[in-house]
Amino acid sequence: MKAFLEKIENDLFDVANRLKEIDPRYELYRNRRERRFEIYAQGVLQIAVPFDRLDARTLKLARETRMENAERLLRAIEEENARLDEKKRRDFIEDCLAKAEV
């Protein structure tokens, strides 16, 4: 691995070992250059952890982002994007109508 990656084998909440329960290939590192935690599988970055400390959120993220959940995740992203697009469209129409009344 790269010199700026520090492998984490022991941590306060045993996240490094509990990740192995999710996927035995998972290895936890602290990226000193990016100042973040990262999860690798077979030397390939899988997840850049968006939290500043290791806790249950990291494990939840690892479970949610597994390939088995990809279809559900993509569907959720598409639904959220559709909701945001509809809100943006409604806001635009309301803005236009408000300006037309002036």
PDB file of N, CA and C in Angstrom:
ATOM      1  N   MET A   1       0.835  -1.189   0.000  1.00  0.00           N
ATOM      2  CA  MET A   1       0.000   0.000   0.000  1.00  0.00           C
ATOM      3  C   MET A   1       0.878   1.250   0.000  1.00  0.00           C
ATOM      4  N   LYS A   2       0.238   2.348  -0.238  1.00  0.00           N
ATOM      5  CA  LYS A   2       0.949   3.623  -0.319  1.00  0.00           C
ATOM      6  C   LYS A   2       1.387   4.093   1.066  1.00  0.00           C
ATOM      7  N   ALA A   3       2.467   4.859   1.110  1.00  0.00           N
ATOM      8  CA  ALA A   3       3.059   5.302   2.369  1.00  0.00           C
ATOM      9  C   ALA A   3       2.127   6.191   3.187  1.00  0.00           C
ATOM     10  N   PHE A   4       1.234   6.911   2.536  1.00  0.00           N
ATOM     11  CA  PHE A   4       0.347   7.809   3.273  1.00  0.00           C
ATOM     12  C   PHE A   4      -0.857   7.084   3.866  1.00  0.00           C
ATOM     13  N   LEU A   5      -0.966   5.782   3.627  1.00  0.00           N
ATOM     14  CA  LEU A   5      -2.044   4.988   4.199  1.00  0.00           C
ATOM     15  C   LEU A   5      -1.542   4.252   5.434  1.00  0.00           C
ATOM     16  N   GLU A   6      -2.263   4.410   6.516  1.00  0.00           N
ATOM     17  CA  GLU A   6      -1.921   3.740   7.771  1.00  0.00           C
ATOM     18  C   GLU A   6      -3.011   2.709   8.065  1.00  0.00           C
ATOM     19  N   LYS A   7      -2.631   1.441   8.071  1.00  0.00           N
ATOM     20  CA  LYS A   7      -3.606   0.381   8.321  1.00  0.00           C
ATOM     21  C   LYS A   7      -4.070   0.438   9.769  1.00  0.00           C
ATOM     22  N   ILE A   8      -5.370   0.297   9.951  1.00  0.00           N
ATOM     23  CA  ILE A   8      -5.954   0.303  11.290  1.00  0.00           C
ATOM     24  C   ILE A   8      -6.432  -1.113  11.581  1.00  0.00           C
ATOM     25  N   GLU A   9      -5.863  -1.694  12.613  1.00  0.00           N
ATOM     26  CA  GLU A   9      -6.250  -3.050  12.993  1.00  0.00           C
ATOM     27  C   GLU A   9      -6.997  -3.070  14.317  1.00  0.00           C
ATOM     28  N   ASN A  10      -6.764  -2.077  15.143  1.00  0.00           N
ATOM     29  CA  ASN A  10      -7.429  -1.960  16.437  1.00  0.00           C
ATOM     30  C   ASN A  10      -7.951  -0.542  16.595  1.00  0.00           C
ATOM     31  N   ASP A  11      -9.205  -0.428  16.971  1.00  0.00           N
ATOM     32  CA  ASP A  11      -9.793   0.892  17.215  1.00  0.00           C
ATOM     33  C   ASP A  11     -10.783   0.774  18.358  1.00  0.00           C
ATOM     34  N   LEU A  12     -11.208   1.901  18.875  1.00  0.00           N
ATOM     35  CA  LEU A  12     -12.044   1.958  20.076  1.00  0.00           C
ATOM     36  C   LEU A  12     -13.301   1.097  19.978  1.00  0.00           C
ATOM     37  N   PHE A  13     -14.002   1.179  18.856  1.00  0.00           N
ATOM     38  CA  PHE A  13     -15.268   0.454  18.712  1.00  0.00           C
ATOM     39  C   PHE A  13     -15.125  -0.820  17.886  1.00  0.00           C
ATOM     40  N   ASP A  14     -13.901  -1.270  17.676  1.00  0.00           N
ATOM     41  CA  ASP A  14     -13.610  -2.508  16.958  1.00  0.00           C
ATOM     42  C   ASP A  14     -14.181  -2.508  15.535  1.00  0.00           C
ATOM     43  N   VAL A  15     -14.226  -1.337  14.923  1.00  0.00           N
ATOM     44  CA  VAL A  15     -14.771  -1.205  13.576  1.00  0.00           C
ATOM     45  C   VAL A  15     -13.951  -2.018  12.574  1.00  0.00           C
ATOM     46  N   ALA A  16     -12.628  -1.986  12.700  1.00  0.00           N
ATOM     47  CA  ALA A  16     -11.772  -2.712  11.758  1.00  0.00           C
ATOM     48  C   ALA A  16     -12.127  -4.195  11.713  1.00  0.00           C
ATOM     49  N   ASN A  17     -12.337  -4.810  12.866  1.00  0.00           N
ATOM     50  CA  ASN A  17     -12.700  -6.229  12.906  1.00  0.00           C
ATOM     51  C   ASN A  17     -14.143  -6.464  12.496  1.00  0.00           C
ATOM     52  N   ARG A  18     -15.021  -5.565  12.868  1.00  0.00           N
ATOM     53  CA  ARG A  18     -16.438  -5.734  12.527  1.00  0.00           C
ATOM     54  C   ARG A  18     -16.673  -5.571  11.031  1.00  0.00           C
ATOM     55  N   LEU A  19     -15.806  -4.811  10.354  1.00  0.00           N
ATOM     56  CA  LEU A  19     -15.913  -4.708   8.899  1.00  0.00           C
ATOM     57  C   LEU A  19     -15.691  -6.068   8.245  1.00  0.00           C
ATOM     58  N   LYS A  20     -14.839  -6.893   8.850  1.00  0.00           N
ATOM     59  CA  LYS A  20     -14.558  -8.236   8.323  1.00  0.00           C
ATOM     60  C   LYS A  20     -15.809  -9.113   8.350  1.00  0.00           C
ATOM     61  N   GLU A  21     -16.746  -8.837   9.264  1.00  0.00           N
ATOM     62  CA  GLU A  21     -18.005  -9.576   9.313  1.00  0.00           C
ATOM     63  C   GLU A  21     -18.879  -9.228   8.115  1.00  0.00           C
ATOM     64  N   ILE A  22     -18.757  -8.000   7.642  1.00  0.00           N
ATOM     65  CA  ILE A  22     -19.530  -7.554   6.475  1.00  0.00           C
ATOM     66  C   ILE A  22     -18.921  -8.134   5.210  1.00  0.00           C
ATOM     67  N   ASP A  23     -17.609  -8.033   5.108  1.00  0.00           N
ATOM     68  CA  ASP A  23     -16.884  -8.594   3.966  1.00  0.00           C
ATOM     69  C   ASP A  23     -15.470  -8.926   4.447  1.00  0.00           C
ATOM     70  N   PRO A  24     -15.079 -10.200   4.393  1.00  0.00           N
ATOM     71  CA  PRO A  24     -13.768 -10.590   4.907  1.00  0.00           C
ATOM     72  C   PRO A  24     -12.600  -9.919   4.179  1.00  0.00           C
ATOM     73  N   ARG A  25     -12.843  -9.387   3.003  1.00  0.00           N
ATOM     74  CA  ARG A  25     -11.787  -8.722   2.238  1.00  0.00           C
ATOM     75  C   ARG A  25     -11.542  -7.286   2.693  1.00  0.00           C
ATOM     76  N   TYR A  26     -12.456  -6.715   3.456  1.00  0.00           N
ATOM     77  CA  TYR A  26     -12.344  -5.313   3.853  1.00  0.00           C
ATOM     78  C   TYR A  26     -11.150  -5.087   4.783  1.00  0.00           C
ATOM     79  N   GLU A  27     -10.413  -4.012   4.493  1.00  0.00           N
ATOM     80  CA  GLU A  27      -9.326  -3.558   5.344  1.00  0.00           C
ATOM     81  C   GLU A  27      -9.510  -2.063   5.554  1.00  0.00           C
ATOM     82  N   LEU A  28      -9.263  -1.624   6.760  1.00  0.00           N
ATOM     83  CA  LEU A  28      -9.489  -0.230   7.130  1.00  0.00           C
ATOM     84  C   LEU A  28      -8.156   0.511   7.196  1.00  0.00           C
ATOM     85  N   TYR A  29      -8.126   1.687   6.597  1.00  0.00           N
ATOM     86  CA  TYR A  29      -6.923   2.515   6.591  1.00  0.00           C
ATOM     87  C   TYR A  29      -7.284   3.954   6.949  1.00  0.00           C
ATOM     88  N   ARG A  30      -6.282   4.659   7.467  1.00  0.00           N
ATOM     89  CA  ARG A  30      -6.400   6.105   7.629  1.00  0.00           C
ATOM     90  C   ARG A  30      -5.497   6.720   6.572  1.00  0.00           C
ATOM     91  N   ASN A  31      -6.098   7.530   5.721  1.00  0.00           N
ATOM     92  CA  ASN A  31      -5.351   8.216   4.676  1.00  0.00           C
ATOM     93  C   ASN A  31      -4.870   9.533   5.279  1.00  0.00           C
ATOM     94  N   ARG A  32      -3.564   9.597   5.576  1.00  0.00           N
ATOM     95  CA  ARG A  32      -3.015  10.795   6.221  1.00  0.00           C
ATOM     96  C   ARG A  32      -3.012  11.991   5.276  1.00  0.00           C
ATOM     97  N   ARG A  33      -2.875  11.757   3.999  1.00  0.00           N
ATOM     98  CA  ARG A  33      -2.840  12.863   3.040  1.00  0.00           C
ATOM     99  C   ARG A  33      -4.228  13.499   2.892  1.00  0.00           C
ATOM    100  N   GLU A  34      -5.263  12.670   2.781  1.00  0.00           N
ATOM    101  CA  GLU A  34      -6.638  13.173   2.616  1.00  0.00           C
ATOM    102  C   GLU A  34      -7.338  13.425   3.957  1.00  0.00           C
ATOM    103  N   ARG A  35      -6.704  12.974   5.035  1.00  0.00           N
ATOM    104  CA  ARG A  35      -7.272  13.104   6.383  1.00  0.00           C
ATOM    105  C   ARG A  35      -8.668  12.484   6.472  1.00  0.00           C
ATOM    106  N   ARG A  36      -8.719  11.217   6.097  1.00  0.00           N
ATOM    107  CA  ARG A  36      -9.989  10.494   6.161  1.00  0.00           C
ATOM    108  C   ARG A  36      -9.704   9.007   6.332  1.00  0.00           C
ATOM    109  N   PHE A  37     -10.746   8.280   6.706  1.00  0.00           N
ATOM    110  CA  PHE A  37     -10.662   6.828   6.786  1.00  0.00           C
ATOM    111  C   PHE A  37     -11.125   6.260   5.446  1.00  0.00           C
ATOM    112  N   GLU A  38     -10.531   5.136   5.060  1.00  0.00           N
ATOM    113  CA  GLU A  38     -10.878   4.499   3.797  1.00  0.00           C
ATOM    114  C   GLU A  38     -10.963   2.991   3.995  1.00  0.00           C
ATOM    115  N   ILE A  39     -11.885   2.386   3.272  1.00  0.00           N
ATOM    116  CA  ILE A  39     -12.048   0.937   3.314  1.00  0.00           C
ATOM    117  C   ILE A  39     -11.612   0.382   1.961  1.00  0.00           C
ATOM    118  N   TYR A  40     -10.716  -0.591   2.013  1.00  0.00           N
ATOM    119  CA  TYR A  40     -10.188  -1.220   0.808  1.00  0.00           C
ATOM    120  C   TYR A  40     -10.558  -2.696   0.787  1.00  0.00           C
ATOM    121  N   ALA A  41     -10.670  -3.251  -0.399  1.00  0.00           N
ATOM    122  CA  ALA A  41     -10.835  -4.689  -0.588  1.00  0.00           C
ATOM    123  C   ALA A  41      -9.849  -5.102  -1.672  1.00  0.00           C
ATOM    124  N   GLN A  42      -8.959  -5.988  -1.334  1.00  0.00           N
ATOM    125  CA  GLN A  42      -7.938  -6.478  -2.252  1.00  0.00           C
ATOM    126  C   GLN A  42      -7.139  -5.331  -2.874  1.00  0.00           C
ATOM    127  N   GLY A  43      -6.822  -4.338  -2.042  1.00  0.00           N
ATOM    128  CA  GLY A  43      -5.995  -3.224  -2.481  1.00  0.00           C
ATOM    129  C   GLY A  43      -6.717  -2.149  -3.278  1.00  0.00           C
ATOM    130  N   VAL A  44      -8.043  -2.276  -3.430  1.00  0.00           N
ATOM    131  CA  VAL A  44      -8.827  -1.318  -4.216  1.00  0.00           C
ATOM    132  C   VAL A  44      -9.752  -0.544  -3.271  1.00  0.00           C
ATOM    133  N   LEU A  45      -9.716   0.776  -3.389  1.00  0.00           N
ATOM    134  CA  LEU A  45     -10.567   1.619  -2.554  1.00  0.00           C
ATOM    135  C   LEU A  45     -12.036   1.303  -2.813  1.00  0.00           C
ATOM    136  N   GLN A  46     -12.755   1.007  -1.740  1.00  0.00           N
ATOM    137  CA  GLN A  46     -14.182   0.720  -1.837  1.00  0.00           C
ATOM    138  C   GLN A  46     -15.022   1.880  -1.320  1.00  0.00           C
ATOM    139  N   ILE A  47     -14.602   2.447  -0.185  1.00  0.00           N
ATOM    140  CA  ILE A  47     -15.373   3.507   0.457  1.00  0.00           C
ATOM    141  C   ILE A  47     -14.429   4.527   1.081  1.00  0.00           C
ATOM    142  N   ALA A  48     -14.649   5.795   0.771  1.00  0.00           N
ATOM    143  CA  ALA A  48     -14.000   6.884   1.492  1.00  0.00           C
ATOM    144  C   ALA A  48     -14.998   7.294   2.575  1.00  0.00           C
ATOM    145  N   VAL A  49     -14.678   7.008   3.806  1.00  0.00           N
ATOM    146  CA  VAL A  49     -15.599   7.220   4.926  1.00  0.00           C
ATOM    147  C   VAL A  49     -15.778   8.726   5.151  1.00  0.00           C
ATOM    148  N   PRO A  50     -17.022   9.219   5.120  1.00  0.00           N
ATOM    149  CA  PRO A  50     -17.255  10.663   5.249  1.00  0.00           C
ATOM    150  C   PRO A  50     -17.317  11.169   6.693  1.00  0.00           C
ATOM    151  N   PHE A  51     -16.982  10.325   7.652  1.00  0.00           N
ATOM    152  CA  PHE A  51     -17.066  10.700   9.064  1.00  0.00           C
ATOM    153  C   PHE A  51     -15.666  10.909   9.623  1.00  0.00           C
ATOM    154  N   ASP A  52     -15.544  11.795  10.594  1.00  0.00           N
ATOM    155  CA  ASP A  52     -14.225  12.094  11.156  1.00  0.00           C
ATOM    156  C   ASP A  52     -13.784  11.108  12.229  1.00  0.00           C
ATOM    157  N   ARG A  53     -14.671  10.205  12.627  1.00  0.00           N
ATOM    158  CA  ARG A  53     -14.292   9.163  13.588  1.00  0.00           C
ATOM    159  C   ARG A  53     -14.981   7.856  13.216  1.00  0.00           C
ATOM    160  N   LEU A  54     -14.394   6.782  13.720  1.00  0.00           N
ATOM    161  CA  LEU A  54     -14.935   5.458  13.431  1.00  0.00           C
ATOM    162  C   LEU A  54     -15.971   5.082  14.478  1.00  0.00           C
ATOM    163  N   ASP A  55     -17.164   4.722  14.001  1.00  0.00           N
ATOM    164  CA  ASP A  55     -18.229   4.292  14.890  1.00  0.00           C
ATOM    165  C   ASP A  55     -19.241   3.491  14.086  1.00  0.00           C
ATOM    166  N   ALA A  56     -20.423   3.300  14.638  1.00  0.00           N
ATOM    167  CA  ALA A  56     -21.449   2.479  14.005  1.00  0.00           C
ATOM    168  C   ALA A  56     -21.858   3.015  12.634  1.00  0.00           C
ATOM    169  N   ARG A  57     -21.726   4.323  12.417  1.00  0.00           N
ATOM    170  CA  ARG A  57     -22.081   4.900  11.108  1.00  0.00           C
ATOM    171  C   ARG A  57     -21.221   4.310   9.998  1.00  0.00           C
ATOM    172  N   THR A  58     -19.960   4.054  10.303  1.00  0.00           N
ATOM    173  CA  THR A  58     -19.049   3.472   9.316  1.00  0.00           C
ATOM    174  C   THR A  58     -19.520   2.075   8.922  1.00  0.00           C
ATOM    175  N   LEU A  59     -19.929   1.293   9.903  1.00  0.00           N
ATOM    176  CA  LEU A  59     -20.419  -0.059   9.628  1.00  0.00           C
ATOM    177  C   LEU A  59     -21.722  -0.010   8.836  1.00  0.00           C
ATOM    178  N   LYS A  60     -22.600   0.896   9.189  1.00  0.00           N
ATOM    179  CA  LYS A  60     -23.865   1.045   8.463  1.00  0.00           C
ATOM    180  C   LYS A  60     -23.590   1.420   7.007  1.00  0.00           C
ATOM    181  N   LEU A  61     -22.672   2.349   6.794  1.00  0.00           N
ATOM    182  CA  LEU A  61     -22.310   2.758   5.438  1.00  0.00           C
ATOM    183  C   LEU A  61     -21.742   1.587   4.648  1.00  0.00           C
ATOM    184  N   ALA A  62     -20.903   0.797   5.276  1.00  0.00           N
ATOM    185  CA  ALA A  62     -20.308  -0.366   4.603  1.00  0.00           C
ATOM    186  C   ALA A  62     -21.379  -1.368   4.197  1.00  0.00           C
ATOM    187  N   ARG A  63     -22.368  -1.576   5.048  1.00  0.00           N
ATOM    188  CA  ARG A  63     -23.467  -2.500   4.713  1.00  0.00           C
ATOM    189  C   ARG A  63     -24.328  -1.948   3.579  1.00  0.00           C
ATOM    190  N   GLU A  64     -24.667  -0.663   3.677  1.00  0.00           N
ATOM    191  CA  GLU A  64     -25.568  -0.053   2.692  1.00  0.00           C
ATOM    192  C   GLU A  64     -24.957   0.032   1.302  1.00  0.00           C
ATOM    193  N   THR A  65     -23.656   0.158   1.209  1.00  0.00           N
ATOM    194  CA  THR A  65     -23.019   0.373  -0.088  1.00  0.00           C
ATOM    195  C   THR A  65     -22.493  -0.912  -0.722  1.00  0.00           C
ATOM    196  N   ARG A  66     -22.843  -2.048  -0.188  1.00  0.00           N
ATOM    197  CA  ARG A  66     -22.418  -3.321  -0.780  1.00  0.00           C
ATOM    198  C   ARG A  66     -23.079  -3.510  -2.138  1.00  0.00           C
ATOM    199  N   MET A  67     -22.429  -4.225  -3.007  1.00  0.00           N
ATOM    200  CA  MET A  67     -22.946  -4.449  -4.363  1.00  0.00           C
ATOM    201  C   MET A  67     -24.339  -5.086  -4.347  1.00  0.00           C
ATOM    202  N   GLU A  68     -24.618  -5.905  -3.358  1.00  0.00           N
ATOM    203  CA  GLU A  68     -25.934  -6.543  -3.275  1.00  0.00           C
ATOM    204  C   GLU A  68     -27.052  -5.502  -3.142  1.00  0.00           C
ATOM    205  N   ASN A  69     -26.704  -4.326  -2.646  1.00  0.00           N
ATOM    206  CA  ASN A  69     -27.691  -3.265  -2.429  1.00  0.00           C
ATOM    207  C   ASN A  69     -27.673  -2.211  -3.536  1.00  0.00           C
ATOM    208  N   ALA A  70     -26.888  -2.427  -4.577  1.00  0.00           N
ATOM    209  CA  ALA A  70     -26.704  -1.417  -5.619  1.00  0.00           C
ATOM    210  C   ALA A  70     -28.024  -1.029  -6.283  1.00  0.00           C
ATOM    211  N   GLU A  71     -28.838  -2.007  -6.615  1.00  0.00           N
ATOM    212  CA  GLU A  71     -30.110  -1.707  -7.294  1.00  0.00           C
ATOM    213  C   GLU A  71     -31.014  -0.848  -6.411  1.00  0.00           C
ATOM    214  N   ARG A  72     -31.105  -1.206  -5.139  1.00  0.00           N
ATOM    215  CA  ARG A  72     -31.937  -0.433  -4.209  1.00  0.00           C
ATOM    216  C   ARG A  72     -31.382   0.976  -4.028  1.00  0.00           C
ATOM    217  N   LEU A  73     -30.063   1.099  -3.929  1.00  0.00           N
ATOM    218  CA  LEU A  73     -29.437   2.412  -3.778  1.00  0.00           C
ATOM    219  C   LEU A  73     -29.678   3.283  -5.003  1.00  0.00           C
ATOM    220  N   LEU A  74     -29.516   2.709  -6.183  1.00  0.00           N
ATOM    221  CA  LEU A  74     -29.740   3.470  -7.413  1.00  0.00           C
ATOM    222  C   LEU A  74     -31.192   3.926  -7.513  1.00  0.00           C
ATOM    223  N   ARG A  75     -32.111   3.038  -7.137  1.00  0.00           N
ATOM    224  CA  ARG A  75     -33.535   3.404  -7.165  1.00  0.00           C
ATOM    225  C   ARG A  75     -33.804   4.557  -6.202  1.00  0.00           C
ATOM    226  N   ALA A  76     -33.215   4.509  -5.009  1.00  0.00           N
ATOM    227  CA  ALA A  76     -33.400   5.578  -4.029  1.00  0.00           C
ATOM    228  C   ALA A  76     -32.820   6.892  -4.538  1.00  0.00           C
ATOM    229  N   ILE A  77     -31.663   6.827  -5.187  1.00  0.00           N
ATOM    230  CA  ILE A  77     -31.048   8.035  -5.750  1.00  0.00           C
ATOM    231  C   ILE A  77     -31.925   8.611  -6.846  1.00  0.00           C
ATOM    232  N   GLU A  78     -32.432   7.749  -7.721  1.00  0.00           N
ATOM    233  CA  GLU A  78     -33.301   8.211  -8.813  1.00  0.00           C
ATOM    234  C   GLU A  78     -34.582   8.837  -8.272  1.00  0.00           C
ATOM    235  N   GLU A  79     -35.160   8.243  -7.236  1.00  0.00           N
ATOM    236  CA  GLU A  79     -36.378   8.797  -6.638  1.00  0.00           C
ATOM    237  C   GLU A  79     -36.107  10.164  -6.014  1.00  0.00           C
ATOM    238  N   GLU A  80     -34.988  10.283  -5.325  1.00  0.00           N
ATOM    239  CA  GLU A  80     -34.637  11.568  -4.710  1.00  0.00           C
ATOM    240  C   GLU A  80     -34.374  12.620  -5.780  1.00  0.00           C
ATOM    241  N   ASN A  81     -33.681  12.247  -6.853  1.00  0.00           N
ATOM    242  CA  ASN A  81     -33.431  13.191  -7.945  1.00  0.00           C
ATOM    243  C   ASN A  81     -34.737  13.630  -8.600  1.00  0.00           C
ATOM    244  N   ALA A  82     -35.667  12.706  -8.792  1.00  0.00           N
ATOM    245  CA  ALA A  82     -36.970  13.050  -9.374  1.00  0.00           C
ATOM    246  C   ALA A  82     -37.719  14.020  -8.454  1.00  0.00           C
ATOM    247  N   ARG A  83     -37.665  13.761  -7.147  1.00  0.00           N
ATOM    248  CA  ARG A  83     -38.329  14.649  -6.185  1.00  0.00           C
ATOM    249  C   ARG A  83     -37.722  16.048  -6.230  1.00  0.00           C
ATOM    250  N   LEU A  84     -36.392  16.119  -6.301  1.00  0.00           N
ATOM    251  CA  LEU A  84     -35.731  17.421  -6.363  1.00  0.00           C
ATOM    252  C   LEU A  84     -36.028  18.141  -7.676  1.00  0.00           C
ATOM    253  N   ASP A  85     -36.066  17.398  -8.777  1.00  0.00           N
ATOM    254  CA  ASP A  85     -36.402  18.000 -10.071  1.00  0.00           C
ATOM    255  C   ASP A  85     -37.818  18.576 -10.052  1.00  0.00           C
ATOM    256  N   GLU A  86     -38.751  17.841  -9.470  1.00  0.00           N
ATOM    257  CA  GLU A  86     -40.134  18.306  -9.396  1.00  0.00           C
ATOM    258  C   GLU A  86     -40.234  19.555  -8.523  1.00  0.00           C
ATOM    259  N   LYS A  87     -39.528  19.572  -7.409  1.00  0.00           N
ATOM    260  CA  LYS A  87     -39.532  20.746  -6.547  1.00  0.00           C
ATOM    261  C   LYS A  87     -38.935  21.946  -7.279  1.00  0.00           C
ATOM    262  N   LYS A  88     -37.850  21.726  -7.984  1.00  0.00           N
ATOM    263  CA  LYS A  88     -37.210  22.808  -8.740  1.00  0.00           C
ATOM    264  C   LYS A  88     -38.160  23.349  -9.813  1.00  0.00           C
ATOM    265  N   ARG A  89     -38.871  22.448 -10.483  1.00  0.00           N
ATOM    266  CA  ARG A  89     -39.829  22.856 -11.515  1.00  0.00           C
ATOM    267  C   ARG A  89     -40.962  23.682 -10.900  1.00  0.00           C
ATOM    268  N   ARG A  90     -41.512  23.208  -9.763  1.00  0.00           N
ATOM    269  CA  ARG A  90     -42.589  23.947  -9.089  1.00  0.00           C
ATOM    270  C   ARG A  90     -42.118  25.319  -8.630  1.00  0.00           C
ATOM    271  N   ASP A  91     -40.923  25.372  -8.049  1.00  0.00           N
ATOM    272  CA  ASP A  91     -40.377  26.659  -7.594  1.00  0.00           C
ATOM    273  C   ASP A  91     -40.181  27.620  -8.762  1.00  0.00           C
ATOM    274  N   PHE A  92     -39.716  27.110  -9.892  1.00  0.00           N
ATOM    275  CA  PHE A  92     -39.518  27.945 -11.084  1.00  0.00           C
ATOM    276  C   PHE A  92     -40.852  28.511 -11.579  1.00  0.00           C
ATOM    277  N   ILE A  93     -41.861  27.655 -11.627  1.00  0.00           N
ATOM    278  CA  ILE A  93     -43.193  28.099 -12.080  1.00  0.00           C
ATOM    279  C   ILE A  93     -43.747  29.153 -11.125  1.00  0.00           C
ATOM    280  N   GLU A  94     -43.641  28.908  -9.813  1.00  0.00           N
ATOM    281  CA  GLU A  94     -44.121  29.873  -8.844  1.00  0.00           C
ATOM    282  C   GLU A  94     -43.381  31.207  -8.965  1.00  0.00           C
ATOM    283  N   ASP A  95     -42.088  31.150  -9.212  1.00  0.00           N
ATOM    284  CA  ASP A  95     -41.282  32.365  -9.378  1.00  0.00           C
ATOM    285  C   ASP A  95     -41.744  33.142 -10.613  1.00  0.00           C
ATOM    286  N   CYS A  96     -41.970  32.413 -11.709  1.00  0.00           N
ATOM    287  CA  CYS A  96     -42.441  33.052 -12.940  1.00  0.00           C
ATOM    288  C   CYS A  96     -43.804  33.702 -12.750  1.00  0.00           C
ATOM    289  N   LEU A  97     -44.707  32.997 -12.077  1.00  0.00           N
ATOM    290  CA  LEU A  97     -46.039  33.546 -11.834  1.00  0.00           C
ATOM    291  C   LEU A  97     -45.965  34.776 -10.922  1.00  0.00           C
ATOM    292  N   ALA A  98     -45.107  34.739  -9.924  1.00  0.00           N
ATOM    293  CA  ALA A  98     -44.957  35.878  -9.026  1.00  0.00           C
ATOM    294  C   ALA A  98     -44.427  37.086  -9.786  1.00  0.00           C
ATOM    295  N   LYS A  99     -43.484  36.873 -10.689  1.00  0.00           N
ATOM    296  CA  LYS A  99     -42.931  37.976 -11.471  1.00  0.00           C
ATOM    297  C   LYS A  99     -43.931  38.497 -12.474  1.00  0.00           C
ATOM    298  N   ALA A 100     -44.811  37.618 -12.974  1.00  0.00           N
ATOM    299  CA  ALA A 100     -45.820  38.040 -13.957  1.00  0.00           C
ATOM    300  C   ALA A 100     -46.899  38.906 -13.301  1.00  0.00           C
ATOM    301  N   GLU A 101     -47.137  38.723 -12.010  1.00  0.00           N
ATOM    302  CA  GLU A 101     -48.156  39.498 -11.304  1.00  0.00           C
ATOM    303  C   GLU A 101     -47.698  40.938 -11.062  1.00  0.00           C
ATOM    304  N   VAL A 102     -46.428  41.199 -11.110  1.00  0.00           N
ATOM    305  CA  VAL A 102     -45.898  42.536 -10.826  1.00  0.00           C
ATOM    306  C   VAL A 102     -46.176  43.489 -11.930  1.00  0.00           C
TER     307      VAL A 102
END
